Amino acid sequence: MKAIKEKILSLNYEDHMAEIETADAQDSYEKGVIVLVTRCLIAKDNVRKNFTQTFFLAPQDNSYFIFSDVFRYIGDGKSKINSVPANGINENTSPSALAPELGLGS
């Protein structure tokens, strides 16, 4: 974790502006708030880097503190993983492969 923090702090974002596109929040555990933000960083040369950030705000006295924070750059739209159906089942899979104990497809 220390190396990650050092790397983040070493990046020079002084010449960047953040442009918020969306921000969603909802009440969560122990009166905390979970927040999801999508936005982009714009460098002085107008290069845009899209990212998303999710963080949990935990109550503290009369304010909140960031209890956890997840930050991720969003790529150029080219997926680096294979797509998987939402139900996890490949349409070409035979019924017997899904539930062999039921004797389907035999």
PDB file of N, CA and C in Angstrom:
ATOM      1  N   MET A   1       0.820  -1.192   0.000  1.00  0.00           N
ATOM      2  CA  MET A   1       0.000   0.000   0.000  1.00  0.00           C
ATOM      3  C   MET A   1       0.865   1.258   0.000  1.00  0.00           C
ATOM      4  N   LYS A   2       1.981   1.207   0.713  1.00  0.00           N
ATOM      5  CA  LYS A   2       2.845   2.378   0.780  1.00  0.00           C
ATOM      6  C   LYS A   2       3.376   2.735  -0.605  1.00  0.00           C
ATOM      7  N   ALA A   3       3.767   1.717  -1.376  1.00  0.00           N
ATOM      8  CA  ALA A   3       4.289   1.960  -2.728  1.00  0.00           C
ATOM      9  C   ALA A   3       3.214   2.561  -3.632  1.00  0.00           C
ATOM     10  N   ILE A   4       1.985   2.099  -3.474  1.00  0.00           N
ATOM     11  CA  ILE A   4       0.877   2.644  -4.271  1.00  0.00           C
ATOM     12  C   ILE A   4       0.676   4.118  -3.929  1.00  0.00           C
ATOM     13  N   LYS A   5       0.650   4.421  -2.644  1.00  0.00           N
ATOM     14  CA  LYS A   5       0.468   5.809  -2.216  1.00  0.00           C
ATOM     15  C   LYS A   5       1.593   6.696  -2.744  1.00  0.00           C
ATOM     16  N   GLU A   6       2.840   6.215  -2.656  1.00  0.00           N
ATOM     17  CA  GLU A   6       3.977   6.988  -3.151  1.00  0.00           C
ATOM     18  C   GLU A   6       3.866   7.240  -4.652  1.00  0.00           C
ATOM     19  N   LYS A   7       3.434   6.228  -5.403  1.00  0.00           N
ATOM     20  CA  LYS A   7       3.285   6.386  -6.851  1.00  0.00           C
ATOM     21  C   LYS A   7       2.228   7.442  -7.165  1.00  0.00           C
ATOM     22  N   ILE A   8       1.094   7.364  -6.502  1.00  0.00           N
ATOM     23  CA  ILE A   8       0.015   8.332  -6.744  1.00  0.00           C
ATOM     24  C   ILE A   8       0.491   9.749  -6.420  1.00  0.00           C
ATOM     25  N   LEU A   9       1.169   9.904  -5.300  1.00  0.00           N
ATOM     26  CA  LEU A   9       1.639  11.228  -4.903  1.00  0.00           C
ATOM     27  C   LEU A   9       2.732  11.761  -5.827  1.00  0.00           C
ATOM     28  N   SER A  10       3.446  10.859  -6.509  1.00  0.00           N
ATOM     29  CA  SER A  10       4.515  11.299  -7.408  1.00  0.00           C
ATOM     30  C   SER A  10       3.994  11.795  -8.757  1.00  0.00           C
ATOM     31  N   LEU A  11       2.749  11.471  -9.086  1.00  0.00           N
ATOM     32  CA  LEU A  11       2.176  11.904 -10.361  1.00  0.00           C
ATOM     33  C   LEU A  11       1.867  13.394 -10.302  1.00  0.00           C
ATOM     34  N   ASN A  12       2.167  14.095 -11.347  1.00  0.00           N
ATOM     35  CA  ASN A  12       1.979  15.542 -11.375  1.00  0.00           C
ATOM     36  C   ASN A  12       0.635  15.878 -12.022  1.00  0.00           C
ATOM     37  N   TYR A  13      -0.342  16.221 -11.203  1.00  0.00           N
ATOM     38  CA  TYR A  13      -1.664  16.580 -11.716  1.00  0.00           C
ATOM     39  C   TYR A  13      -1.952  18.065 -11.537  1.00  0.00           C
ATOM     40  N   GLU A  14      -0.932  18.865 -11.270  1.00  0.00           N
ATOM     41  CA  GLU A  14      -1.131  20.299 -11.066  1.00  0.00           C
ATOM     42  C   GLU A  14      -1.658  20.991 -12.315  1.00  0.00           C
ATOM     43  N   ASP A  15      -1.326  20.464 -13.487  1.00  0.00           N
ATOM     44  CA  ASP A  15      -1.756  21.069 -14.750  1.00  0.00           C
ATOM     45  C   ASP A  15      -3.066  20.486 -15.269  1.00  0.00           C
ATOM     46  N   HIS A  16      -3.765  19.720 -14.441  1.00  0.00           N
ATOM     47  CA  HIS A  16      -4.995  19.061 -14.865  1.00  0.00           C
ATOM     48  C   HIS A  16      -6.212  19.696 -14.196  1.00  0.00           C
ATOM     49  N   MET A  17      -7.338  19.600 -14.889  1.00  0.00           N
ATOM     50  CA  MET A  17      -8.625  19.995 -14.310  1.00  0.00           C
ATOM     51  C   MET A  17      -9.530  18.777 -14.329  1.00  0.00           C
ATOM     52  N   ALA A  18     -10.363  18.630 -13.312  1.00  0.00           N
ATOM     53  CA  ALA A  18     -11.331  17.537 -13.271  1.00  0.00           C
ATOM     54  C   ALA A  18     -12.682  18.056 -13.727  1.00  0.00           C
ATOM     55  N   GLU A  19     -13.308  17.312 -14.614  1.00  0.00           N
ATOM     56  CA  GLU A  19     -14.643  17.655 -15.102  1.00  0.00           C
ATOM     57  C   GLU A  19     -15.584  16.533 -14.680  1.00  0.00           C
ATOM     58  N   ILE A  20     -16.505  16.832 -13.774  1.00  0.00           N
ATOM     59  CA  ILE A  20     -17.438  15.823 -13.273  1.00  0.00           C
ATOM     60  C   ILE A  20     -18.558  15.632 -14.285  1.00  0.00           C
ATOM     61  N   GLU A  21     -18.784  14.368 -14.657  1.00  0.00           N
ATOM     62  CA  GLU A  21     -19.856  14.039 -15.592  1.00  0.00           C
ATOM     63  C   GLU A  21     -21.097  13.564 -14.851  1.00  0.00           C
ATOM     64  N   THR A  22     -20.915  12.636 -13.909  1.00  0.00           N
ATOM     65  CA  THR A  22     -22.039  12.158 -13.103  1.00  0.00           C
ATOM     66  C   THR A  22     -21.583  11.983 -11.661  1.00  0.00           C
ATOM     67  N   ALA A  23     -22.525  12.104 -10.751  1.00  0.00           N
ATOM     68  CA  ALA A  23     -22.268  11.835  -9.334  1.00  0.00           C
ATOM     69  C   ALA A  23     -23.536  11.243  -8.744  1.00  0.00           C
ATOM     70  N   ASP A  24     -23.411  10.058  -8.180  1.00  0.00           N
ATOM     71  CA  ASP A  24     -24.542   9.375  -7.562  1.00  0.00           C
ATOM     72  C   ASP A  24     -24.164   9.022  -6.132  1.00  0.00           C
ATOM     73  N   ALA A  25     -25.109   9.185  -5.215  1.00  0.00           N
ATOM     74  CA  ALA A  25     -24.849   8.879  -3.813  1.00  0.00           C
ATOM     75  C   ALA A  25     -26.076   8.226  -3.210  1.00  0.00           C
ATOM     76  N   GLN A  26     -25.827   7.357  -2.231  1.00  0.00           N
ATOM     77  CA  GLN A  26     -26.947   6.766  -1.500  1.00  0.00           C
ATOM     78  C   GLN A  26     -26.514   6.456  -0.075  1.00  0.00           C
ATOM     79  N   ASP A  27     -27.511   6.493   0.815  1.00  0.00           N
ATOM     80  CA  ASP A  27     -27.252   6.160   2.210  1.00  0.00           C
ATOM     81  C   ASP A  27     -26.740   4.730   2.283  1.00  0.00           C
ATOM     82  N   SER A  28     -25.888   4.483   3.275  1.00  0.00           N
ATOM     83  CA  SER A  28     -25.297   3.163   3.391  1.00  0.00           C
ATOM     84  C   SER A  28     -25.144   2.784   4.858  1.00  0.00           C
ATOM     85  N   TYR A  29     -24.299   1.836   5.112  1.00  0.00           N
ATOM     86  CA  TYR A  29     -24.069   1.244   6.417  1.00  0.00           C
ATOM     87  C   TYR A  29     -23.726   2.281   7.487  1.00  0.00           C
ATOM     88  N   GLU A  30     -24.362   2.151   8.644  1.00  0.00           N
ATOM     89  CA  GLU A  30     -24.077   2.993   9.814  1.00  0.00           C
ATOM     90  C   GLU A  30     -24.109   4.488   9.500  1.00  0.00           C
ATOM     91  N   LYS A  31     -25.116   4.907   8.735  1.00  0.00           N
ATOM     92  CA  LYS A  31     -25.324   6.311   8.372  1.00  0.00           C
ATOM     93  C   LYS A  31     -24.212   6.882   7.490  1.00  0.00           C
ATOM     94  N   GLY A  32     -23.488   5.987   6.835  1.00  0.00           N
ATOM     95  CA  GLY A  32     -22.476   6.419   5.879  1.00  0.00           C
ATOM     96  C   GLY A  32     -23.120   6.672   4.528  1.00  0.00           C
ATOM     97  N   VAL A  33     -22.320   7.121   3.592  1.00  0.00           N
ATOM     98  CA  VAL A  33     -22.795   7.418   2.242  1.00  0.00           C
ATOM     99  C   VAL A  33     -21.804   6.813   1.256  1.00  0.00           C
ATOM    100  N   ILE A  34     -22.319   6.087   0.267  1.00  0.00           N
ATOM    101  CA  ILE A  34     -21.459   5.585  -0.799  1.00  0.00           C
ATOM    102  C   ILE A  34     -21.661   6.485  -2.014  1.00  0.00           C
ATOM    103  N   VAL A  35     -20.568   6.887  -2.636  1.00  0.00           N
ATOM    104  CA  VAL A  35     -20.607   7.850  -3.736  1.00  0.00           C
ATOM    105  C   VAL A  35     -19.894   7.251  -4.946  1.00  0.00           C
ATOM    106  N   LEU A  36     -20.515   7.382  -6.112  1.00  0.00           N
ATOM    107  CA  LEU A  36     -19.917   6.960  -7.381  1.00  0.00           C
ATOM    108  C   LEU A  36     -19.840   8.176  -8.286  1.00  0.00           C
ATOM    109  N   VAL A  37     -18.647   8.470  -8.776  1.00  0.00           N
ATOM    110  CA  VAL A  37     -18.429   9.636  -9.631  1.00  0.00           C
ATOM    111  C   VAL A  37     -17.771   9.175 -10.923  1.00  0.00           C
ATOM    112  N   THR A  38     -18.258   9.673 -12.056  1.00  0.00           N
ATOM    113  CA  THR A  38     -17.550   9.487 -13.322  1.00  0.00           C
ATOM    114  C   THR A  38     -17.129  10.866 -13.786  1.00  0.00           C
ATOM    115  N   ARG A  39     -15.910  10.949 -14.261  1.00  0.00           N
ATOM    116  CA  ARG A  39     -15.393  12.248 -14.686  1.00  0.00           C
ATOM    117  C   ARG A  39     -14.167  12.045 -15.549  1.00  0.00           C
ATOM    118  N   CYS A  40     -13.576  13.144 -15.956  1.00  0.00           N
ATOM    119  CA  CYS A  40     -12.344  13.055 -16.729  1.00  0.00           C
ATOM    120  C   CYS A  40     -11.365  14.107 -16.236  1.00  0.00           C
ATOM    121  N   LEU A  41     -10.102  13.791 -16.402  1.00  0.00           N
ATOM    122  CA  LEU A  41      -9.036  14.750 -16.136  1.00  0.00           C
ATOM    123  C   LEU A  41      -8.639  15.352 -17.466  1.00  0.00           C
ATOM    124  N   ILE A  42      -8.526  16.656 -17.502  1.00  0.00           N
ATOM    125  CA  ILE A  42      -8.146  17.354 -18.726  1.00  0.00           C
ATOM    126  C   ILE A  42      -6.792  18.009 -18.480  1.00  0.00           C
ATOM    127  N   ALA A  43      -5.802  17.599 -19.270  1.00  0.00           N
ATOM    128  CA  ALA A  43      -4.455  18.158 -19.150  1.00  0.00           C
ATOM    129  C   ALA A  43      -4.401  19.492 -19.881  1.00  0.00           C
ATOM    130  N   LYS A  44      -3.333  20.238 -19.649  1.00  0.00           N
ATOM    131  CA  LYS A  44      -3.217  21.551 -20.285  1.00  0.00           C
ATOM    132  C   LYS A  44      -3.146  21.453 -21.806  1.00  0.00           C
ATOM    133  N   ASP A  45      -2.770  20.274 -22.340  1.00  0.00           N
ATOM    134  CA  ASP A  45      -2.756  20.080 -23.793  1.00  0.00           C
ATOM    135  C   ASP A  45      -4.091  19.522 -24.298  1.00  0.00           C
ATOM    136  N   ASN A  46      -5.131  19.588 -23.444  1.00  0.00           N
ATOM    137  CA  ASN A  46      -6.496  19.138 -23.737  1.00  0.00           C
ATOM    138  C   ASN A  46      -6.637  17.635 -23.930  1.00  0.00           C
ATOM    139  N   VAL A  47      -5.672  16.852 -23.495  1.00  0.00           N
ATOM    140  CA  VAL A  47      -5.807  15.398 -23.502  1.00  0.00           C
ATOM    141  C   VAL A  47      -6.724  15.023 -22.342  1.00  0.00           C
ATOM    142  N   ARG A  48      -7.736  14.196 -22.645  1.00  0.00           N
ATOM    143  CA  ARG A  48      -8.727  13.804 -21.646  1.00  0.00           C
ATOM    144  C   ARG A  48      -8.496  12.357 -21.222  1.00  0.00           C
ATOM    145  N   LYS A  49      -8.540  12.112 -19.914  1.00  0.00           N
ATOM    146  CA  LYS A  49      -8.452  10.755 -19.377  1.00  0.00           C
ATOM    147  C   LYS A  49      -9.691  10.525 -18.528  1.00  0.00           C
ATOM    148  N   ASN A  50     -10.557   9.631 -18.993  1.00  0.00           N
ATOM    149  CA  ASN A  50     -11.775   9.321 -18.254  1.00  0.00           C
ATOM    150  C   ASN A  50     -11.459   8.393 -17.086  1.00  0.00           C
ATOM    151  N   PHE A  51     -12.196   8.589 -16.001  1.00  0.00           N
ATOM    152  CA  PHE A  51     -12.043   7.686 -14.869  1.00  0.00           C
ATOM    153  C   PHE A  51     -13.324   7.633 -14.063  1.00  0.00           C
ATOM    154  N   THR A  52     -13.379   6.648 -13.197  1.00  0.00           N
ATOM    155  CA  THR A  52     -14.488   6.508 -12.268  1.00  0.00           C
ATOM    156  C   THR A  52     -13.899   6.388 -10.863  1.00  0.00           C
ATOM    157  N   GLN A  53     -14.659   6.852  -9.900  1.00  0.00           N
ATOM    158  CA  GLN A  53     -14.200   6.805  -8.517  1.00  0.00           C
ATOM    159  C   GLN A  53     -15.390   6.488  -7.628  1.00  0.00           C
ATOM    160  N   THR A  54     -15.194   5.538  -6.734  1.00  0.00           N
ATOM    161  CA  THR A  54     -16.216   5.173  -5.763  1.00  0.00           C
ATOM    162  C   THR A  54     -15.594   5.308  -4.385  1.00  0.00           C
ATOM    163  N   PHE A  55     -16.303   5.965  -3.490  1.00  0.00           N
ATOM    164  CA  PHE A  55     -15.766   6.085  -2.140  1.00  0.00           C
ATOM    165  C   PHE A  55     -16.888   6.022  -1.121  1.00  0.00           C
ATOM    166  N   PHE A  56     -16.510   5.595   0.084  1.00  0.00           N
ATOM    167  CA  PHE A  56     -17.448   5.477   1.191  1.00  0.00           C
ATOM    168  C   PHE A  56     -17.136   6.564   2.205  1.00  0.00           C
ATOM    169  N   LEU A  57     -18.144   7.385   2.489  1.00  0.00           N
ATOM    170  CA  LEU A  57     -18.011   8.451   3.477  1.00  0.00           C
ATOM    171  C   LEU A  57     -18.601   7.959   4.793  1.00  0.00           C
ATOM    172  N   ALA A  58     -17.774   7.879   5.806  1.00  0.00           N
ATOM    173  CA  ALA A  58     -18.216   7.438   7.124  1.00  0.00           C
ATOM    174  C   ALA A  58     -18.437   8.666   8.006  1.00  0.00           C
ATOM    175  N   PRO A  59     -19.511   8.662   8.805  1.00  0.00           N
ATOM    176  CA  PRO A  59     -19.769   9.822   9.655  1.00  0.00           C
ATOM    177  C   PRO A  59     -18.707   9.975  10.745  1.00  0.00           C
ATOM    178  N   GLN A  60     -18.405  11.234  11.055  1.00  0.00           N
ATOM    179  CA  GLN A  60     -17.435  11.559  12.100  1.00  0.00           C
ATOM    180  C   GLN A  60     -17.853  12.894  12.700  1.00  0.00           C
ATOM    181  N   ASP A  61     -18.268  12.888  13.952  1.00  0.00           N
ATOM    182  CA  ASP A  61     -18.751  14.093  14.622  1.00  0.00           C
ATOM    183  C   ASP A  61     -19.778  14.805  13.735  1.00  0.00           C
ATOM    184  N   ASN A  62     -19.470  16.006  13.270  1.00  0.00           N
ATOM    185  CA  ASN A  62     -20.402  16.764  12.430  1.00  0.00           C
ATOM    186  C   ASN A  62     -20.005  16.751  10.958  1.00  0.00           C
ATOM    187  N   SER A  63     -19.220  15.765  10.558  1.00  0.00           N
ATOM    188  CA  SER A  63     -18.768  15.704   9.162  1.00  0.00           C
ATOM    189  C   SER A  63     -18.582  14.245   8.752  1.00  0.00           C
ATOM    190  N   TYR A  64     -17.888  14.033   7.665  1.00  0.00           N
ATOM    191  CA  TYR A  64     -17.597  12.699   7.159  1.00  0.00           C
ATOM    192  C   TYR A  64     -16.106  12.591   6.868  1.00  0.00           C
ATOM    193  N   PHE A  65     -15.608  11.352   6.853  1.00  0.00           N
ATOM    194  CA  PHE A  65     -14.249  11.125   6.368  1.00  0.00           C
ATOM    195  C   PHE A  65     -14.296   9.994   5.349  1.00  0.00           C
ATOM    196  N   ILE A  66     -13.334   9.993   4.441  1.00  0.00           N
ATOM    197  CA  ILE A  66     -13.300   8.965   3.399  1.00  0.00           C
ATOM    198  C   ILE A  66     -12.725   7.701   4.016  1.00  0.00           C
ATOM    199  N   PHE A  67     -13.598   6.704   4.182  1.00  0.00           N
ATOM    200  CA  PHE A  67     -13.202   5.444   4.803  1.00  0.00           C
ATOM    201  C   PHE A  67     -12.519   4.532   3.793  1.00  0.00           C
ATOM    202  N   SER A  68     -13.031   4.508   2.566  1.00  0.00           N
ATOM    203  CA  SER A  68     -12.398   3.733   1.500  1.00  0.00           C
ATOM    204  C   SER A  68     -12.612   4.454   0.182  1.00  0.00           C
ATOM    205  N   ASP A  69     -11.714   4.211  -0.758  1.00  0.00           N
ATOM    206  CA  ASP A  69     -11.714   4.948  -2.012  1.00  0.00           C
ATOM    207  C   ASP A  69     -11.182   4.040  -3.118  1.00  0.00           C
ATOM    208  N   VAL A  70     -11.933   3.924  -4.213  1.00  0.00           N
ATOM    209  CA  VAL A  70     -11.512   3.127  -5.367  1.00  0.00           C
ATOM    210  C   VAL A  70     -11.496   4.042  -6.580  1.00  0.00           C
ATOM    211  N   PHE A  71     -10.365   4.089  -7.258  1.00  0.00           N
ATOM    212  CA  PHE A  71     -10.170   4.965  -8.408  1.00  0.00           C
ATOM    213  C   PHE A  71      -9.723   4.102  -9.579  1.00  0.00           C
ATOM    214  N   ARG A  72     -10.332   4.316 -10.760  1.00  0.00           N
ATOM    215  CA  ARG A  72      -9.949   3.513 -11.918  1.00  0.00           C
ATOM    216  C   ARG A  72     -10.054   4.343 -13.181  1.00  0.00           C
ATOM    217  N   TYR A  73      -8.953   4.352 -13.957  1.00  0.00           N
ATOM    218  CA  TYR A  73      -9.018   4.965 -15.276  1.00  0.00           C
ATOM    219  C   TYR A  73      -9.853   4.083 -16.176  1.00  0.00           C
ATOM    220  N   ILE A  74     -10.630   4.714 -17.045  1.00  0.00           N
ATOM    221  CA  ILE A  74     -11.450   3.990 -18.010  1.00  0.00           C
ATOM    222  C   ILE A  74     -10.726   4.063 -19.340  1.00  0.00           C
ATOM    223  N   GLY A  75     -10.489   2.908 -19.946  1.00  0.00           N
ATOM    224  CA  GLY A  75      -9.698   2.826 -21.169  1.00  0.00           C
ATOM    225  C   GLY A  75     -10.382   3.408 -22.381  1.00  0.00           C
ATOM    226  N   ASP A  76      -9.880   3.006 -23.520  1.00  0.00           N
ATOM    227  CA  ASP A  76     -10.351   3.519 -24.801  1.00  0.00           C
ATOM    228  C   ASP A  76     -11.551   2.750 -25.339  1.00  0.00           C
ATOM    229  N   GLY A  77     -12.161   1.914 -24.526  1.00  0.00           N
ATOM    230  CA  GLY A  77     -13.328   1.162 -24.956  1.00  0.00           C
ATOM    231  C   GLY A  77     -13.000  -0.210 -25.496  1.00  0.00           C
ATOM    232  N   LYS A  78     -11.732  -0.545 -25.617  1.00  0.00           N
ATOM    233  CA  LYS A  78     -11.333  -1.861 -26.097  1.00  0.00           C
ATOM    234  C   LYS A  78     -11.191  -2.777 -24.897  1.00  0.00           C
ATOM    235  N   SER A  79     -12.085  -3.735 -24.800  1.00  0.00           N
ATOM    236  CA  SER A  79     -12.090  -4.646 -23.670  1.00  0.00           C
ATOM    237  C   SER A  79     -10.863  -5.548 -23.704  1.00  0.00           C
ATOM    238  N   LYS A  80     -10.264  -5.764 -22.549  1.00  0.00           N
ATOM    239  CA  LYS A  80      -9.122  -6.644 -22.445  1.00  0.00           C
ATOM    240  C   LYS A  80      -9.515  -7.994 -21.860  1.00  0.00           C
ATOM    241  N   ILE A  81     -10.812  -8.193 -21.628  1.00  0.00           N
ATOM    242  CA  ILE A  81     -11.284  -9.472 -21.125  1.00  0.00           C
ATOM    243  C   ILE A  81     -12.357  -9.997 -22.057  1.00  0.00           C
ATOM    244  N   ASN A  82     -12.570 -11.284 -22.001  1.00  0.00           N
ATOM    245  CA  ASN A  82     -13.629 -11.876 -22.801  1.00  0.00           C
ATOM    246  C   ASN A  82     -14.965 -11.575 -22.158  1.00  0.00           C
ATOM    247  N   SER A  83     -15.970 -11.354 -22.982  1.00  0.00           N
ATOM    248  CA  SER A  83     -17.294 -11.096 -22.430  1.00  0.00           C
ATOM    249  C   SER A  83     -17.901 -12.400 -21.934  1.00  0.00           C
ATOM    250  N   VAL A  84     -18.698 -12.281 -20.893  1.00  0.00           N
ATOM    251  CA  VAL A  84     -19.369 -13.418 -20.290  1.00  0.00           C
ATOM    252  C   VAL A  84     -20.831 -13.047 -20.147  1.00  0.00           C
ATOM    253  N   PRO A  85     -21.754 -13.958 -20.509  1.00  0.00           N
ATOM    254  CA  PRO A  85     -23.175 -13.651 -20.337  1.00  0.00           C
ATOM    255  C   PRO A  85     -23.482 -13.309 -18.879  1.00  0.00           C
ATOM    256  N   ALA A  86     -24.468 -12.450 -18.684  1.00  0.00           N
ATOM    257  CA  ALA A  86     -24.819 -12.002 -17.336  1.00  0.00           C
ATOM    258  C   ALA A  86     -25.183 -13.163 -16.422  1.00  0.00           C
ATOM    259  N   ASN A  87     -25.811 -14.207 -16.987  1.00  0.00           N
ATOM    260  CA  ASN A  87     -26.189 -15.355 -16.171  1.00  0.00           C
ATOM    261  C   ASN A  87     -25.058 -16.365 -16.048  1.00  0.00           C
ATOM    262  N   GLY A  88     -23.923 -16.099 -16.695  1.00  0.00           N
ATOM    263  CA  GLY A  88     -22.764 -16.975 -16.602  1.00  0.00           C
ATOM    264  C   GLY A  88     -22.877 -18.245 -17.414  1.00  0.00           C
ATOM    265  N   ILE A  89     -23.926 -18.358 -18.233  1.00  0.00           N
ATOM    266  CA  ILE A  89     -24.157 -19.573 -19.011  1.00  0.00           C
ATOM    267  C   ILE A  89     -23.975 -19.273 -20.487  1.00  0.00           C
ATOM    268  N   ASN A  90     -23.115 -20.022 -21.133  1.00  0.00           N
ATOM    269  CA  ASN A  90     -22.898 -19.893 -22.564  1.00  0.00           C
ATOM    270  C   ASN A  90     -24.079 -20.522 -23.288  1.00  0.00           C
ATOM    271  N   GLU A  91     -24.657 -19.808 -24.254  1.00  0.00           N
ATOM    272  CA  GLU A  91     -25.835 -20.310 -24.971  1.00  0.00           C
ATOM    273  C   GLU A  91     -25.557 -21.611 -25.711  1.00  0.00           C
ATOM    274  N   ASN A  92     -24.306 -21.893 -26.030  1.00  0.00           N
ATOM    275  CA  ASN A  92     -23.959 -23.102 -26.771  1.00  0.00           C
ATOM    276  C   ASN A  92     -23.701 -24.300 -25.872  1.00  0.00           C
ATOM    277  N   THR A  93     -23.825 -24.118 -24.559  1.00  0.00           N
ATOM    278  CA  THR A  93     -23.587 -25.205 -23.621  1.00  0.00           C
ATOM    279  C   THR A  93     -24.795 -26.126 -23.588  1.00  0.00           C
ATOM    280  N   SER A  94     -24.531 -27.434 -23.637  1.00  0.00           N
ATOM    281  CA  SER A  94     -25.637 -28.396 -23.628  1.00  0.00           C
ATOM    282  C   SER A  94     -26.220 -28.501 -22.226  1.00  0.00           C
ATOM    283  N   PRO A  95     -27.518 -28.859 -22.125  1.00  0.00           N
ATOM    284  CA  PRO A  95     -28.145 -29.007 -20.808  1.00  0.00           C
ATOM    285  C   PRO A  95     -27.434 -30.032 -19.934  1.00  0.00           C
ATOM    286  N   SER A  96     -26.892 -31.099 -20.530  1.00  0.00           N
ATOM    287  CA  SER A  96     -26.222 -32.123 -19.729  1.00  0.00           C
ATOM    288  C   SER A  96     -24.947 -31.587 -19.086  1.00  0.00           C
ATOM    289  N   ALA A  97     -24.306 -30.620 -19.720  1.00  0.00           N
ATOM    290  CA  ALA A  97     -23.101 -30.034 -19.141  1.00  0.00           C
ATOM    291  C   ALA A  97     -23.443 -29.116 -17.976  1.00  0.00           C
ATOM    292  N   LEU A  98     -24.661 -28.547 -17.991  1.00  0.00           N
ATOM    293  CA  LEU A  98     -25.069 -27.635 -16.929  1.00  0.00           C
ATOM    294  C   LEU A  98     -25.468 -28.376 -15.665  1.00  0.00           C
ATOM    295  N   ALA A  99     -26.144 -29.488 -15.812  1.00  0.00           N
ATOM    296  CA  ALA A  99     -26.626 -30.228 -14.648  1.00  0.00           C
ATOM    297  C   ALA A  99     -26.553 -31.724 -14.922  1.00  0.00           C
ATOM    298  N   PRO A 100     -25.354 -32.315 -14.933  1.00  0.00           N
ATOM    299  CA  PRO A 100     -25.223 -33.730 -15.266  1.00  0.00           C
ATOM    300  C   PRO A 100     -25.958 -34.631 -14.278  1.00  0.00           C
ATOM    301  N   GLU A 101     -26.085 -34.192 -13.029  1.00  0.00           N
ATOM    302  CA  GLU A 101     -26.760 -35.027 -12.033  1.00  0.00           C
ATOM    303  C   GLU A 101     -28.253 -35.178 -12.309  1.00  0.00           C
ATOM    304  N   LEU A 102     -28.823 -34.297 -13.144  1.00  0.00           N
ATOM    305  CA  LEU A 102     -30.243 -34.390 -13.480  1.00  0.00           C
ATOM    306  C   LEU A 102     -30.487 -35.295 -14.675  1.00  0.00           C
ATOM    307  N   GLY A 103     -29.418 -35.694 -15.355  1.00  0.00           N
ATOM    308  CA  GLY A 103     -29.564 -36.564 -16.513  1.00  0.00           C
ATOM    309  C   GLY A 103     -30.156 -35.856 -17.713  1.00  0.00           C
ATOM    310  N   LEU A 104     -30.019 -34.538 -17.796  1.00  0.00           N
ATOM    311  CA  LEU A 104     -30.552 -33.792 -18.925  1.00  0.00           C
ATOM    312  C   LEU A 104     -29.715 -34.045 -20.164  1.00  0.00           C
ATOM    313  N   GLY A 105     -30.347 -34.109 -21.304  1.00  0.00           N
ATOM    314  CA  GLY A 105     -29.657 -34.248 -22.575  1.00  0.00           C
ATOM    315  C   GLY A 105     -29.135 -35.645 -22.831  1.00  0.00           C
ATOM    316  N   SER A 106     -29.472 -36.626 -21.995  1.00  0.00           N
ATOM    317  CA  SER A 106     -28.979 -37.991 -22.199  1.00  0.00           C
ATOM    318  C   SER A 106     -29.967 -38.805 -22.978  1.00  0.00           C
TER     319      SER A 106
END
